[in-house]
Amino acid sequence: MKGLHKVTFILLVIGGLNWGLEVFVVGVGSFLPSSIATLIYVLVGLSALVEIFTHKGNCKECEVKGGGAPSMGGM
C-alpha cells in the first residue's frame, strides 16, 4: 500500500499544479492531445478517491491516540 500511496500523492500534486496552471491557460489540457489529457484527469480523479478511502490508514497525523480527537499538529 505504501507504493500506491506514493503514486496517488504524486498524481494529486500534479493535478493540483495543473489546476493552478489552468488559470494561465498553460495546463495539461492546453498542450496534450485530448485523449492523453483525459487519461491524466481520470488518473488524478482515481488517485483522489484512493486517498479519500485509504488516507487514515496511511497518515501518521490522522491516527487517533488515546481515544481522543486527532492531533492538529502545531495548531
N, C-alpha and C. Protein backbone atom coordinates (compact mmCIF):
# COMPACT_ATOMS: atom_id res chain seq x y z
N MET A 1 0.81 -1.20 0.00
CA MET A 1 0.00 0.00 0.00
C MET A 1 0.86 1.26 0.00
N LYS A 2 2.08 1.17 0.51
CA LYS A 2 2.93 2.35 0.57
C LYS A 2 3.26 2.86 -0.83
N GLY A 3 3.49 1.94 -1.77
CA GLY A 3 3.78 2.34 -3.15
C GLY A 3 2.58 3.00 -3.80
N LEU A 4 1.38 2.46 -3.56
CA LEU A 4 0.17 3.06 -4.09
C LEU A 4 -0.04 4.45 -3.53
N HIS A 5 0.24 4.61 -2.24
CA HIS A 5 0.10 5.93 -1.61
C HIS A 5 1.04 6.95 -2.25
N LYS A 6 2.28 6.54 -2.54
CA LYS A 6 3.24 7.45 -3.17
C LYS A 6 2.77 7.85 -4.57
N VAL A 7 2.28 6.89 -5.33
CA VAL A 7 1.81 7.18 -6.70
C VAL A 7 0.61 8.12 -6.65
N THR A 8 -0.35 7.84 -5.76
CA THR A 8 -1.53 8.71 -5.69
C THR A 8 -1.15 10.10 -5.22
N PHE A 9 -0.21 10.19 -4.29
CA PHE A 9 0.22 11.51 -3.81
C PHE A 9 0.85 12.31 -4.95
N ILE A 10 1.71 11.67 -5.72
CA ILE A 10 2.36 12.35 -6.85
C ILE A 10 1.32 12.81 -7.87
N LEU A 11 0.35 11.94 -8.18
CA LEU A 11 -0.70 12.32 -9.12
C LEU A 11 -1.56 13.47 -8.60
N LEU A 12 -1.81 13.49 -7.29
CA LEU A 12 -2.58 14.59 -6.72
C LEU A 12 -1.81 15.91 -6.77
N VAL A 13 -0.50 15.85 -6.56
CA VAL A 13 0.32 17.06 -6.69
C VAL A 13 0.30 17.55 -8.13
N ILE A 14 0.45 16.64 -9.08
CA ILE A 14 0.39 17.01 -10.49
C ILE A 14 -0.97 17.63 -10.81
N GLY A 15 -2.03 17.02 -10.31
CA GLY A 15 -3.38 17.56 -10.55
C GLY A 15 -3.56 18.94 -9.96
N GLY A 16 -3.06 19.14 -8.75
CA GLY A 16 -3.17 20.44 -8.11
C GLY A 16 -2.38 21.51 -8.86
N LEU A 17 -1.17 21.17 -9.28
CA LEU A 17 -0.37 22.12 -10.06
C LEU A 17 -1.04 22.43 -11.39
N ASN A 18 -1.64 21.42 -12.00
CA ASN A 18 -2.32 21.63 -13.26
C ASN A 18 -3.50 22.59 -13.09
N TRP A 19 -4.25 22.43 -12.02
CA TRP A 19 -5.37 23.36 -11.77
C TRP A 19 -4.84 24.79 -11.65
N GLY A 20 -3.73 24.96 -10.95
CA GLY A 20 -3.15 26.29 -10.82
C GLY A 20 -2.67 26.85 -12.15
N LEU A 21 -2.10 25.99 -12.98
CA LEU A 21 -1.63 26.44 -14.29
C LEU A 21 -2.78 26.74 -15.25
N GLU A 22 -3.92 26.09 -15.05
CA GLU A 22 -5.08 26.33 -15.92
C GLU A 22 -5.55 27.78 -15.84
N VAL A 23 -5.28 28.44 -14.72
CA VAL A 23 -5.63 29.86 -14.57
C VAL A 23 -4.94 30.68 -15.66
N PHE A 24 -3.72 30.28 -15.99
CA PHE A 24 -2.93 30.99 -17.00
C PHE A 24 -3.02 30.31 -18.37
N VAL A 25 -3.93 29.38 -18.52
CA VAL A 25 -4.18 28.63 -19.76
C VAL A 25 -2.92 27.92 -20.24
N VAL A 26 -2.18 27.35 -19.32
CA VAL A 26 -1.00 26.57 -19.68
C VAL A 26 -1.01 25.20 -19.02
N GLY A 27 -2.16 24.69 -18.70
CA GLY A 27 -2.27 23.38 -18.06
C GLY A 27 -2.12 22.25 -19.06
N VAL A 28 -2.25 21.04 -18.56
CA VAL A 28 -2.09 19.82 -19.37
C VAL A 28 -3.02 19.83 -20.58
N GLY A 29 -4.25 20.27 -20.39
CA GLY A 29 -5.23 20.27 -21.46
C GLY A 29 -4.85 21.16 -22.64
N SER A 30 -3.96 22.09 -22.41
CA SER A 30 -3.57 23.03 -23.46
C SER A 30 -2.51 22.46 -24.41
N PHE A 31 -1.72 21.50 -23.94
CA PHE A 31 -0.58 21.03 -24.71
C PHE A 31 -0.68 19.60 -25.22
N LEU A 32 -1.45 18.79 -24.55
CA LEU A 32 -1.51 17.37 -24.91
C LEU A 32 -2.77 17.07 -25.72
N PRO A 33 -2.73 16.02 -26.52
CA PRO A 33 -3.95 15.60 -27.21
C PRO A 33 -5.04 15.30 -26.18
N SER A 34 -6.28 15.51 -26.56
CA SER A 34 -7.37 15.40 -25.61
C SER A 34 -7.47 14.01 -24.97
N SER A 35 -7.13 12.94 -25.71
CA SER A 35 -7.21 11.60 -25.13
C SER A 35 -6.19 11.41 -24.02
N ILE A 36 -5.00 11.95 -24.17
CA ILE A 36 -3.97 11.83 -23.13
C ILE A 36 -4.33 12.71 -21.94
N ALA A 37 -4.81 13.93 -22.22
CA ALA A 37 -5.23 14.82 -21.13
C ALA A 37 -6.37 14.19 -20.34
N THR A 38 -7.32 13.57 -21.03
CA THR A 38 -8.43 12.90 -20.36
C THR A 38 -7.91 11.76 -19.48
N LEU A 39 -6.96 11.00 -19.98
CA LEU A 39 -6.37 9.91 -19.19
C LEU A 39 -5.73 10.46 -17.92
N ILE A 40 -4.99 11.55 -18.03
CA ILE A 40 -4.37 12.16 -16.86
C ILE A 40 -5.43 12.63 -15.87
N TYR A 41 -6.49 13.27 -16.37
CA TYR A 41 -7.57 13.73 -15.48
C TYR A 41 -8.23 12.56 -14.77
N VAL A 42 -8.44 11.45 -15.47
CA VAL A 42 -9.05 10.26 -14.86
C VAL A 42 -8.12 9.69 -13.79
N LEU A 43 -6.82 9.61 -14.07
CA LEU A 43 -5.86 9.09 -13.09
C LEU A 43 -5.81 9.97 -11.84
N VAL A 44 -5.85 11.27 -12.03
CA VAL A 44 -5.84 12.19 -10.88
C VAL A 44 -7.13 12.01 -10.07
N GLY A 45 -8.27 11.87 -10.75
CA GLY A 45 -9.53 11.66 -10.05
C GLY A 45 -9.54 10.35 -9.28
N LEU A 46 -9.04 9.29 -9.89
CA LEU A 46 -8.97 8.00 -9.20
C LEU A 46 -8.01 8.07 -8.00
N SER A 47 -6.93 8.82 -8.16
CA SER A 47 -5.99 9.00 -7.06
C SER A 47 -6.67 9.69 -5.88
N ALA A 48 -7.49 10.67 -6.17
CA ALA A 48 -8.22 11.36 -5.10
C ALA A 48 -9.14 10.39 -4.37
N LEU A 49 -9.83 9.53 -5.12
CA LEU A 49 -10.72 8.56 -4.48
C LEU A 49 -9.93 7.57 -3.62
N VAL A 50 -8.79 7.12 -4.12
CA VAL A 50 -7.96 6.19 -3.34
C VAL A 50 -7.52 6.87 -2.04
N GLU A 51 -7.09 8.10 -2.12
CA GLU A 51 -6.64 8.82 -0.93
C GLU A 51 -7.80 9.06 0.04
N ILE A 52 -8.97 9.36 -0.47
CA ILE A 52 -10.13 9.56 0.41
C ILE A 52 -10.40 8.31 1.23
N PHE A 53 -10.35 7.15 0.59
CA PHE A 53 -10.72 5.92 1.27
C PHE A 53 -9.58 5.24 2.03
N THR A 54 -8.32 5.61 1.74
CA THR A 54 -7.20 4.93 2.41
C THR A 54 -6.33 5.87 3.22
N HIS A 55 -6.62 7.15 3.22
CA HIS A 55 -5.74 8.14 3.87
C HIS A 55 -5.55 7.87 5.35
N LYS A 56 -6.61 7.59 6.05
CA LYS A 56 -6.50 7.42 7.50
C LYS A 56 -5.52 6.30 7.87
N GLY A 57 -5.49 5.25 7.09
CA GLY A 57 -4.57 4.16 7.36
C GLY A 57 -3.13 4.47 6.99
N ASN A 58 -2.91 5.45 6.12
CA ASN A 58 -1.57 5.79 5.66
C ASN A 58 -0.95 6.97 6.39
N CYS A 59 -1.77 7.78 7.05
CA CYS A 59 -1.29 9.04 7.62
C CYS A 59 -1.04 8.92 9.12
N LYS A 60 0.15 9.18 9.53
CA LYS A 60 0.50 9.12 10.95
C LYS A 60 -0.20 10.23 11.74
N GLU A 61 -0.41 11.39 11.14
CA GLU A 61 -1.07 12.51 11.80
C GLU A 61 -2.55 12.25 12.05
N CYS A 62 -3.16 11.35 11.28
CA CYS A 62 -4.59 11.09 11.41
C CYS A 62 -4.90 9.96 12.38
N GLU A 63 -3.87 9.32 12.91
CA GLU A 63 -4.10 8.25 13.87
C GLU A 63 -4.65 8.84 15.16
N VAL A 64 -5.66 8.20 15.70
CA VAL A 64 -6.23 8.64 16.97
C VAL A 64 -5.46 7.94 18.08
N LYS A 65 -4.87 8.72 18.97
CA LYS A 65 -4.09 8.17 20.07
C LYS A 65 -4.80 8.47 21.39
N GLY A 66 -4.99 7.47 22.18
CA GLY A 66 -5.59 7.67 23.50
C GLY A 66 -7.09 7.87 23.44
N GLY A 67 -7.72 7.56 22.31
CA GLY A 67 -9.17 7.67 22.22
C GLY A 67 -9.69 9.07 22.00
N GLY A 68 -8.81 10.06 21.91
CA GLY A 68 -9.25 11.44 21.72
C GLY A 68 -9.28 11.80 20.25
N ALA A 69 -9.49 13.06 20.01
CA ALA A 69 -9.51 13.57 18.64
C ALA A 69 -8.09 13.57 18.09
N PRO A 70 -7.94 13.48 16.77
CA PRO A 70 -6.61 13.52 16.18
C PRO A 70 -5.92 14.85 16.46
N SER A 71 -4.62 14.80 16.60
CA SER A 71 -3.84 16.00 16.87
C SER A 71 -3.84 16.90 15.64
N MET A 72 -3.87 18.19 15.87
CA MET A 72 -3.83 19.17 14.78
C MET A 72 -2.42 19.68 14.57
N GLY A 73 -1.43 18.96 15.01
CA GLY A 73 -0.04 19.37 14.83
C GLY A 73 0.28 20.58 15.69
N GLY A 74 0.80 21.63 15.08
CA GLY A 74 1.17 22.83 15.79
C GLY A 74 0.05 23.85 15.89
N MET A 75 -1.14 23.49 15.51
CA MET A 75 -2.24 24.46 15.51
C MET A 75 -2.82 24.64 16.87
